[in-house]
Amino acid sequence: KVGTRYEMRSRITAPVDGAILNTTSPVGSGTCVPGMSVRISDGASGSCTTTCRADGTFSCSLSTLGNGVHVLTAYQGDVPTCPVTTSPVSAAVTIVIDTVAPSAPAFTSPAAGSTVTRNPPDVAGTCETGTLVRVYDTVTLCTATCVASTFACTSAIPLANGARTIGA
C-alpha cells in the first residue's frame, strides 16, 4: 500500500517524559521506519535530524536548548530535511533543562549561636524545592527533600556536648 511509511509514527524513547536534565544538548533517541529521515523538534529553538538505522532506531543530539521546559516531538520523512510529506507527529515528551546549581540551603532552626537541649537535634531551613538537603557535622546527620522551599529533619546521630558547627 502506497504511503504506509508515512502512517507509522516515530517514537521518542529517550529522554523520557518528565526528565530533568543538566545538559543543554541532550541526545534524543527512539524508534522509526528504517531508512527514513527523522527530526526531533521542540517547536522553537532545538532540533536535530538523522537517518533511521536498519534496526529501526535513531539518535541525535538536539541543538542547544535553554533552561526551562521543552516539549519534544518527532516525525519522519523521505529526505534529510523531512519535507512536507511526513509521518504523523509522535507523542510529545516534556523535559526540563536545568543547568543552574541550586542555592545553598539556609538554617532557620537552630539559630546560629543558640544552645540546643534536644539530642539528637532537630534542624530546619530554607532550600530550593525538589533538592535533597544533607545536614552534616563531621558525618551526615540527616537528609531531607526540600518541599515548598523548606526542609526539616532530626539527626540520626546524638552529638557530643560542646560547640558544634553544622552545614548543609
N, C-alpha and C. Protein backbone atom coordinates (compact mmCIF):
# COMPACT_ATOMS: atom_id res chain seq x y z
N LYS A 1 0.85 -1.18 0.00
CA LYS A 1 0.00 0.00 0.00
C LYS A 1 0.89 1.24 0.00
N VAL A 2 0.66 2.15 -0.89
CA VAL A 2 1.46 3.36 -1.02
C VAL A 2 1.21 4.25 0.19
N GLY A 3 2.28 4.80 0.74
CA GLY A 3 2.14 5.76 1.84
C GLY A 3 2.15 5.16 3.21
N THR A 4 2.27 3.85 3.37
CA THR A 4 2.23 3.27 4.71
C THR A 4 3.41 3.73 5.56
N ARG A 5 4.55 4.06 4.94
CA ARG A 5 5.68 4.56 5.73
C ARG A 5 5.29 5.84 6.46
N TYR A 6 4.44 6.64 5.84
CA TYR A 6 4.05 7.90 6.44
C TYR A 6 3.00 7.73 7.53
N GLU A 7 2.33 6.60 7.53
CA GLU A 7 1.32 6.36 8.56
C GLU A 7 1.96 5.91 9.87
N MET A 8 3.18 5.41 9.82
CA MET A 8 3.87 4.94 11.02
C MET A 8 4.54 6.11 11.70
N ARG A 9 4.29 6.26 12.97
CA ARG A 9 4.89 7.35 13.74
C ARG A 9 6.25 6.93 14.28
N SER A 10 7.16 7.88 14.30
CA SER A 10 8.38 7.64 15.05
C SER A 10 8.02 7.83 16.53
N ARG A 11 8.83 7.31 17.41
CA ARG A 11 8.54 7.40 18.84
C ARG A 11 9.82 7.78 19.57
N ILE A 12 9.74 8.77 20.45
CA ILE A 12 10.88 9.18 21.27
C ILE A 12 10.91 8.29 22.50
N THR A 13 12.03 7.59 22.71
CA THR A 13 12.16 6.74 23.89
C THR A 13 13.12 7.33 24.93
N ALA A 14 13.94 8.28 24.51
CA ALA A 14 14.83 8.98 25.44
C ALA A 14 15.08 10.38 24.89
N PRO A 15 15.10 11.39 25.71
CA PRO A 15 14.87 11.32 27.14
C PRO A 15 13.41 10.95 27.44
N VAL A 16 13.18 10.44 28.63
CA VAL A 16 11.83 10.03 28.99
C VAL A 16 10.99 11.25 29.39
N ASP A 17 9.70 11.11 29.25
CA ASP A 17 8.77 12.18 29.62
C ASP A 17 8.97 12.54 31.09
N GLY A 18 9.10 13.83 31.37
CA GLY A 18 9.27 14.31 32.74
C GLY A 18 10.71 14.38 33.20
N ALA A 19 11.67 14.04 32.33
CA ALA A 19 13.08 14.06 32.72
C ALA A 19 13.55 15.47 33.03
N ILE A 20 14.41 15.58 34.04
CA ILE A 20 15.09 16.83 34.37
C ILE A 20 16.55 16.60 34.02
N LEU A 21 17.07 17.38 33.09
CA LEU A 21 18.42 17.18 32.56
C LEU A 21 19.30 18.38 32.85
N ASN A 22 20.59 18.12 33.07
CA ASN A 22 21.52 19.23 33.32
C ASN A 22 22.45 19.46 32.14
N THR A 23 21.97 19.21 30.94
CA THR A 23 22.72 19.49 29.72
C THR A 23 21.82 20.27 28.76
N THR A 24 22.43 21.18 28.00
CA THR A 24 21.65 21.96 27.04
C THR A 24 21.61 21.31 25.66
N SER A 25 22.30 20.18 25.50
CA SER A 25 22.30 19.45 24.23
C SER A 25 22.01 17.97 24.48
N PRO A 26 20.80 17.64 24.93
CA PRO A 26 20.50 16.24 25.22
C PRO A 26 20.42 15.40 23.94
N VAL A 27 20.68 14.10 24.10
CA VAL A 27 20.56 13.17 22.99
C VAL A 27 19.14 12.63 22.98
N GLY A 28 18.50 12.73 21.83
CA GLY A 28 17.17 12.15 21.66
C GLY A 28 17.30 10.85 20.90
N SER A 29 16.53 9.85 21.31
CA SER A 29 16.57 8.58 20.59
C SER A 29 15.18 7.97 20.58
N GLY A 30 15.00 6.98 19.71
CA GLY A 30 13.69 6.35 19.62
C GLY A 30 13.60 5.34 18.51
N THR A 31 12.37 5.07 18.11
CA THR A 31 12.10 4.09 17.07
C THR A 31 11.52 4.79 15.84
N CYS A 32 11.72 4.15 14.67
CA CYS A 32 11.33 4.78 13.41
C CYS A 32 11.31 3.73 12.30
N VAL A 33 11.00 4.16 11.10
CA VAL A 33 11.00 3.29 9.93
C VAL A 33 12.40 3.34 9.31
N PRO A 34 13.09 2.17 9.19
CA PRO A 34 14.45 2.15 8.65
C PRO A 34 14.56 2.91 7.32
N GLY A 35 15.64 3.72 7.22
CA GLY A 35 15.91 4.48 6.01
C GLY A 35 15.25 5.83 5.94
N MET A 36 14.25 6.07 6.78
CA MET A 36 13.56 7.37 6.76
C MET A 36 14.41 8.40 7.52
N SER A 37 14.21 9.66 7.18
CA SER A 37 14.86 10.75 7.91
C SER A 37 13.97 11.10 9.09
N VAL A 38 14.56 11.25 10.27
CA VAL A 38 13.80 11.55 11.49
C VAL A 38 14.24 12.90 12.02
N ARG A 39 13.28 13.69 12.43
CA ARG A 39 13.57 15.01 13.00
C ARG A 39 12.89 15.11 14.36
N ILE A 40 13.67 15.50 15.38
CA ILE A 40 13.11 15.81 16.71
C ILE A 40 13.14 17.32 16.82
N SER A 41 12.07 17.89 17.33
CA SER A 41 11.99 19.34 17.48
C SER A 41 11.26 19.70 18.75
N ASP A 42 11.66 20.84 19.33
CA ASP A 42 10.89 21.35 20.47
C ASP A 42 9.97 22.48 20.02
N GLY A 43 9.86 22.65 18.72
CA GLY A 43 8.94 23.63 18.17
C GLY A 43 9.45 25.04 18.20
N ALA A 44 10.60 25.29 18.84
CA ALA A 44 11.10 26.65 18.93
C ALA A 44 12.59 26.69 18.62
N SER A 45 13.42 26.33 19.60
CA SER A 45 14.85 26.55 19.43
C SER A 45 15.65 25.30 19.12
N GLY A 46 15.23 24.15 19.58
CA GLY A 46 16.07 22.98 19.46
C GLY A 46 15.56 21.97 18.46
N SER A 47 16.47 21.37 17.72
CA SER A 47 16.07 20.30 16.81
C SER A 47 17.30 19.51 16.40
N CYS A 48 17.06 18.33 15.87
CA CYS A 48 18.12 17.53 15.26
C CYS A 48 17.47 16.63 14.22
N THR A 49 18.25 16.25 13.23
CA THR A 49 17.77 15.39 12.15
C THR A 49 18.79 14.29 11.92
N THR A 50 18.31 13.07 11.72
CA THR A 50 19.19 11.93 11.46
C THR A 50 18.44 10.92 10.60
N THR A 51 19.14 9.91 10.13
CA THR A 51 18.53 8.84 9.35
C THR A 51 18.27 7.64 10.24
N CYS A 52 17.10 7.06 10.12
CA CYS A 52 16.74 5.88 10.90
C CYS A 52 17.62 4.70 10.48
N ARG A 53 18.22 4.05 11.47
CA ARG A 53 19.10 2.91 11.21
C ARG A 53 18.29 1.69 10.76
N ALA A 54 19.00 0.70 10.22
CA ALA A 54 18.37 -0.53 9.71
C ALA A 54 17.60 -1.28 10.80
N ASP A 55 18.02 -1.11 12.07
CA ASP A 55 17.33 -1.80 13.17
C ASP A 55 16.09 -1.05 13.65
N GLY A 56 15.73 0.06 12.98
CA GLY A 56 14.52 0.80 13.33
C GLY A 56 14.69 1.74 14.51
N THR A 57 15.93 2.18 14.77
CA THR A 57 16.19 3.12 15.86
C THR A 57 16.92 4.34 15.33
N PHE A 58 16.89 5.41 16.11
CA PHE A 58 17.61 6.64 15.76
C PHE A 58 18.13 7.28 17.03
N SER A 59 19.12 8.14 16.88
CA SER A 59 19.57 9.01 17.97
C SER A 59 20.26 10.21 17.35
N CYS A 60 20.10 11.36 18.00
CA CYS A 60 20.77 12.58 17.57
C CYS A 60 20.80 13.56 18.73
N SER A 61 21.79 14.45 18.71
CA SER A 61 21.93 15.47 19.75
C SER A 61 21.16 16.71 19.35
N LEU A 62 20.25 17.12 20.23
CA LEU A 62 19.48 18.33 19.95
C LEU A 62 20.37 19.55 20.01
N SER A 63 20.08 20.54 19.17
CA SER A 63 20.84 21.78 19.24
C SER A 63 20.57 22.42 20.60
N THR A 64 21.38 23.37 20.95
CA THR A 64 21.36 23.95 22.29
C THR A 64 19.97 24.41 22.71
N LEU A 65 19.53 23.84 23.84
CA LEU A 65 18.25 24.22 24.44
C LEU A 65 18.54 25.08 25.66
N GLY A 66 17.72 26.08 25.89
CA GLY A 66 17.89 26.91 27.08
C GLY A 66 17.29 26.25 28.30
N ASN A 67 17.59 26.79 29.46
CA ASN A 67 16.99 26.29 30.70
C ASN A 67 15.48 26.48 30.62
N GLY A 68 14.75 25.52 31.15
CA GLY A 68 13.30 25.61 31.18
C GLY A 68 12.65 24.37 30.60
N VAL A 69 11.35 24.46 30.37
CA VAL A 69 10.54 23.34 29.89
C VAL A 69 10.58 23.29 28.36
N HIS A 70 10.76 22.09 27.82
CA HIS A 70 10.75 21.88 26.38
C HIS A 70 9.85 20.69 26.07
N VAL A 71 9.03 20.83 25.03
CA VAL A 71 8.14 19.75 24.60
C VAL A 71 8.68 19.24 23.27
N LEU A 72 9.17 17.99 23.29
CA LEU A 72 9.78 17.39 22.11
C LEU A 72 8.78 16.52 21.36
N THR A 73 8.83 16.59 20.04
CA THR A 73 8.07 15.67 19.18
C THR A 73 8.99 15.23 18.06
N ALA A 74 8.66 14.10 17.45
CA ALA A 74 9.45 13.59 16.33
C ALA A 74 8.53 13.29 15.16
N TYR A 75 9.09 13.39 13.96
CA TYR A 75 8.37 12.96 12.77
C TYR A 75 9.41 12.50 11.76
N GLN A 76 8.97 11.78 10.75
CA GLN A 76 9.89 11.23 9.75
C GLN A 76 9.41 11.51 8.34
N GLY A 77 10.37 11.57 7.42
CA GLY A 77 10.09 11.82 6.01
C GLY A 77 11.12 11.12 5.13
N ASP A 78 11.02 11.31 3.82
CA ASP A 78 11.89 10.61 2.87
C ASP A 78 13.29 11.17 2.74
N VAL A 79 13.48 12.46 2.93
CA VAL A 79 14.78 13.07 2.68
C VAL A 79 15.28 13.76 3.95
N PRO A 80 16.57 14.07 4.03
CA PRO A 80 17.14 14.62 5.26
C PRO A 80 16.44 15.84 5.84
N THR A 81 15.77 16.63 5.02
CA THR A 81 15.11 17.81 5.56
C THR A 81 13.69 17.55 6.01
N CYS A 82 13.24 16.31 5.90
CA CYS A 82 11.85 15.96 6.25
C CYS A 82 10.88 16.90 5.56
N PRO A 83 10.55 16.62 4.30
CA PRO A 83 9.69 17.52 3.52
C PRO A 83 8.27 17.58 4.07
N VAL A 84 7.44 18.29 3.37
CA VAL A 84 6.05 18.45 3.76
C VAL A 84 5.36 17.09 3.93
N THR A 85 5.69 16.13 3.06
CA THR A 85 5.10 14.80 3.16
C THR A 85 5.82 14.05 4.26
N THR A 86 5.25 14.04 5.46
CA THR A 86 5.87 13.39 6.61
C THR A 86 4.86 12.51 7.33
N SER A 87 5.38 11.77 8.29
CA SER A 87 4.51 10.94 9.12
C SER A 87 3.76 11.82 10.10
N PRO A 88 2.76 11.26 10.78
CA PRO A 88 2.14 12.00 11.88
C PRO A 88 3.19 12.28 12.95
N VAL A 89 2.99 13.30 13.72
CA VAL A 89 3.91 13.68 14.79
C VAL A 89 3.80 12.66 15.93
N SER A 90 4.92 12.35 16.55
CA SER A 90 4.96 11.40 17.67
C SER A 90 4.25 11.97 18.89
N ALA A 91 4.05 11.14 19.87
CA ALA A 91 3.56 11.61 21.17
C ALA A 91 4.59 12.58 21.74
N ALA A 92 4.13 13.61 22.40
CA ALA A 92 5.02 14.62 22.96
C ALA A 92 5.74 14.09 24.20
N VAL A 93 7.00 14.52 24.36
CA VAL A 93 7.81 14.21 25.54
C VAL A 93 8.22 15.55 26.13
N THR A 94 7.86 15.78 27.38
CA THR A 94 8.19 17.04 28.05
C THR A 94 9.41 16.82 28.92
N ILE A 95 10.42 17.69 28.74
CA ILE A 95 11.64 17.63 29.55
C ILE A 95 11.91 19.00 30.15
N VAL A 96 12.73 19.02 31.18
CA VAL A 96 13.16 20.27 31.80
C VAL A 96 14.68 20.32 31.73
N ILE A 97 15.20 21.41 31.19
CA ILE A 97 16.64 21.64 31.19
C ILE A 97 16.92 22.55 32.38
N ASP A 98 17.81 22.08 33.28
CA ASP A 98 18.16 22.86 34.48
C ASP A 98 19.66 22.72 34.69
N THR A 99 20.42 23.71 34.22
CA THR A 99 21.87 23.68 34.33
C THR A 99 22.39 24.60 35.43
N VAL A 100 21.48 25.21 36.18
CA VAL A 100 21.87 26.13 37.24
C VAL A 100 21.85 25.39 38.57
N ALA A 101 22.98 25.41 39.27
CA ALA A 101 23.06 24.75 40.58
C ALA A 101 22.11 25.43 41.55
N PRO A 102 21.50 24.66 42.45
CA PRO A 102 20.59 25.27 43.42
C PRO A 102 21.36 26.14 44.42
N SER A 103 20.67 27.10 44.99
CA SER A 103 21.25 27.93 46.03
C SER A 103 21.51 27.06 47.25
N ALA A 104 22.49 27.44 48.04
CA ALA A 104 22.79 26.70 49.27
C ALA A 104 21.62 26.82 50.24
N PRO A 105 21.29 25.74 50.94
CA PRO A 105 20.23 25.83 51.94
C PRO A 105 20.67 26.73 53.09
N ALA A 106 19.70 27.27 53.81
CA ALA A 106 19.98 28.12 54.97
C ALA A 106 19.21 27.59 56.17
N PHE A 107 19.86 27.55 57.32
CA PHE A 107 19.22 27.06 58.54
C PHE A 107 18.32 28.13 59.15
N THR A 108 17.14 27.72 59.56
CA THR A 108 16.26 28.59 60.33
C THR A 108 16.16 28.11 61.78
N SER A 109 16.50 26.83 62.00
CA SER A 109 16.48 26.27 63.35
C SER A 109 17.43 25.08 63.39
N PRO A 110 18.33 25.02 64.31
CA PRO A 110 18.57 26.00 65.37
C PRO A 110 19.24 27.26 64.80
N ALA A 111 19.02 28.36 65.46
CA ALA A 111 19.62 29.62 65.04
C ALA A 111 21.11 29.60 65.35
N ALA A 112 21.89 30.30 64.55
CA ALA A 112 23.34 30.37 64.77
C ALA A 112 23.62 30.87 66.19
N GLY A 113 24.52 30.19 66.88
CA GLY A 113 24.91 30.60 68.24
C GLY A 113 23.97 30.14 69.33
N SER A 114 22.90 29.44 68.98
CA SER A 114 21.94 29.03 70.00
C SER A 114 22.42 27.78 70.74
N THR A 115 21.84 27.54 71.92
CA THR A 115 22.09 26.34 72.69
C THR A 115 20.96 25.37 72.43
N VAL A 116 21.31 24.15 72.08
CA VAL A 116 20.32 23.13 71.75
C VAL A 116 20.30 22.12 72.89
N THR A 117 19.10 21.86 73.41
CA THR A 117 18.98 20.91 74.53
C THR A 117 18.48 19.55 74.09
N ARG A 118 17.91 19.46 72.91
CA ARG A 118 17.43 18.17 72.39
C ARG A 118 18.59 17.47 71.69
N ASN A 119 18.80 16.21 72.04
CA ASN A 119 19.89 15.46 71.43
C ASN A 119 19.41 14.05 71.15
N PRO A 120 19.29 13.62 69.90
CA PRO A 120 19.81 14.30 68.71
C PRO A 120 18.93 15.51 68.34
N PRO A 121 19.55 16.50 67.70
CA PRO A 121 18.84 17.76 67.41
C PRO A 121 17.93 17.69 66.18
N ASP A 122 16.91 18.57 66.20
CA ASP A 122 16.06 18.81 65.03
C ASP A 122 16.67 19.99 64.28
N VAL A 123 16.66 19.93 62.96
CA VAL A 123 17.15 21.05 62.15
C VAL A 123 16.11 21.36 61.08
N ALA A 124 16.07 22.63 60.69
CA ALA A 124 15.12 23.06 59.65
C ALA A 124 15.72 24.24 58.91
N GLY A 125 15.20 24.50 57.72
CA GLY A 125 15.70 25.63 56.97
C GLY A 125 14.98 25.84 55.66
N THR A 126 15.56 26.71 54.85
CA THR A 126 15.02 27.02 53.53
C THR A 126 15.93 26.42 52.46
N CYS A 127 15.36 26.16 51.29
CA CYS A 127 16.11 25.48 50.23
C CYS A 127 15.37 25.61 48.91
N GLU A 128 15.95 25.06 47.86
CA GLU A 128 15.29 25.05 46.55
C GLU A 128 14.41 23.81 46.45
N THR A 129 13.12 24.02 46.21
CA THR A 129 12.16 22.92 46.12
C THR A 129 12.65 21.83 45.18
N GLY A 130 12.52 20.59 45.66
CA GLY A 130 12.90 19.43 44.86
C GLY A 130 14.31 18.94 45.09
N THR A 131 15.14 19.74 45.79
CA THR A 131 16.51 19.30 46.05
C THR A 131 16.57 18.42 47.28
N LEU A 132 17.64 17.67 47.40
CA LEU A 132 17.90 16.85 48.58
C LEU A 132 18.90 17.60 49.44
N VAL A 133 18.55 17.82 50.70
CA VAL A 133 19.42 18.54 51.63
C VAL A 133 20.08 17.52 52.54
N ARG A 134 21.39 17.61 52.65
CA ARG A 134 22.15 16.75 53.55
C ARG A 134 22.74 17.62 54.64
N VAL A 135 22.37 17.35 55.89
CA VAL A 135 22.87 18.11 57.04
C VAL A 135 24.03 17.31 57.62
N TYR A 136 25.13 17.98 57.87
CA TYR A 136 26.31 17.27 58.36
C TYR A 136 27.04 18.05 59.45
N ASP A 137 27.78 17.30 60.24
CA ASP A 137 28.75 17.82 61.21
C ASP A 137 30.08 17.31 60.66
N THR A 138 30.61 16.25 61.17
CA THR A 138 31.75 15.59 60.53
C THR A 138 31.25 14.40 59.70
N VAL A 139 30.01 14.00 59.95
CA VAL A 139 29.33 12.94 59.20
C VAL A 139 27.92 13.42 58.87
N THR A 140 27.24 12.72 57.99
CA THR A 140 25.86 13.08 57.67
C THR A 140 24.98 12.82 58.89
N LEU A 141 24.27 13.85 59.32
CA LEU A 141 23.37 13.73 60.47
C LEU A 141 21.98 13.32 60.03
N CYS A 142 21.49 13.92 58.93
CA CYS A 142 20.18 13.58 58.40
C CYS A 142 20.06 14.15 57.00
N THR A 143 19.07 13.66 56.26
CA THR A 143 18.77 14.17 54.92
C THR A 143 17.28 14.45 54.83
N ALA A 144 16.92 15.38 53.97
CA ALA A 144 15.51 15.72 53.77
C ALA A 144 15.32 16.24 52.36
N THR A 145 14.19 15.94 51.77
CA THR A 145 13.83 16.51 50.48
C THR A 145 13.16 17.86 50.71
N CYS A 146 13.58 18.84 49.96
CA CYS A 146 13.03 20.18 50.09
C CYS A 146 11.64 20.24 49.45
N VAL A 147 10.65 20.61 50.25
CA VAL A 147 9.26 20.72 49.79
C VAL A 147 8.79 22.13 50.11
N ALA A 148 8.23 22.81 49.12
CA ALA A 148 7.71 24.18 49.30
C ALA A 148 8.78 25.09 49.92
N SER A 149 10.00 24.95 49.43
CA SER A 149 11.15 25.77 49.83
C SER A 149 11.60 25.59 51.27
N THR A 150 11.20 24.50 51.93
CA THR A 150 11.65 24.25 53.30
C THR A 150 12.07 22.79 53.48
N PHE A 151 12.93 22.57 54.47
CA PHE A 151 13.31 21.21 54.85
C PHE A 151 13.33 21.11 56.36
N ALA A 152 13.18 19.90 56.86
CA ALA A 152 13.29 19.63 58.30
C ALA A 152 13.68 18.17 58.47
N CYS A 153 14.56 17.93 59.44
CA CYS A 153 14.94 16.55 59.75
C CYS A 153 15.51 16.49 61.15
N THR A 154 15.53 15.30 61.70
CA THR A 154 16.11 15.05 63.01
C THR A 154 17.35 14.20 62.82
N SER A 155 18.41 14.62 63.47
CA SER A 155 19.66 13.88 63.36
C SER A 155 19.46 12.44 63.79
N ALA A 156 20.04 11.53 63.06
CA ALA A 156 20.00 10.11 63.41
C ALA A 156 21.11 9.79 64.40
N ILE A 157 22.00 10.75 64.64
CA ILE A 157 23.16 10.53 65.49
C ILE A 157 23.17 11.55 66.64
N PRO A 158 23.21 11.08 67.91
CA PRO A 158 23.37 12.05 69.01
C PRO A 158 24.74 12.74 68.90
N LEU A 159 24.78 14.00 69.25
CA LEU A 159 26.01 14.77 69.16
C LEU A 159 26.68 14.88 70.55
N ALA A 160 27.99 14.91 70.56
CA ALA A 160 28.71 15.09 71.81
C ALA A 160 28.47 16.51 72.32
N ASN A 161 28.52 16.69 73.63
CA ASN A 161 28.35 18.04 74.22
C ASN A 161 29.44 18.95 73.72
N GLY A 162 29.12 20.23 73.63
CA GLY A 162 30.10 21.22 73.21
C GLY A 162 29.63 21.95 71.97
N ALA A 163 30.43 22.92 71.59
CA ALA A 163 30.10 23.73 70.42
C ALA A 163 30.22 22.87 69.16
N ARG A 164 29.26 23.00 68.29
CA ARG A 164 29.22 22.24 67.03
C ARG A 164 28.96 23.21 65.89
N THR A 165 29.48 22.92 64.74
CA THR A 165 29.17 23.67 63.53
C THR A 165 28.57 22.69 62.54
N ILE A 166 27.31 22.91 62.19
CA ILE A 166 26.67 22.04 61.22
C ILE A 166 26.56 22.77 59.89
N GLY A 167 26.50 22.00 58.83
CA GLY A 167 26.38 22.58 57.49
C GLY A 167 25.36 21.80 56.70
N ALA A 168 25.02 22.34 55.54
CA ALA A 168 24.09 21.65 54.64
C ALA A 168 24.53 21.89 53.21
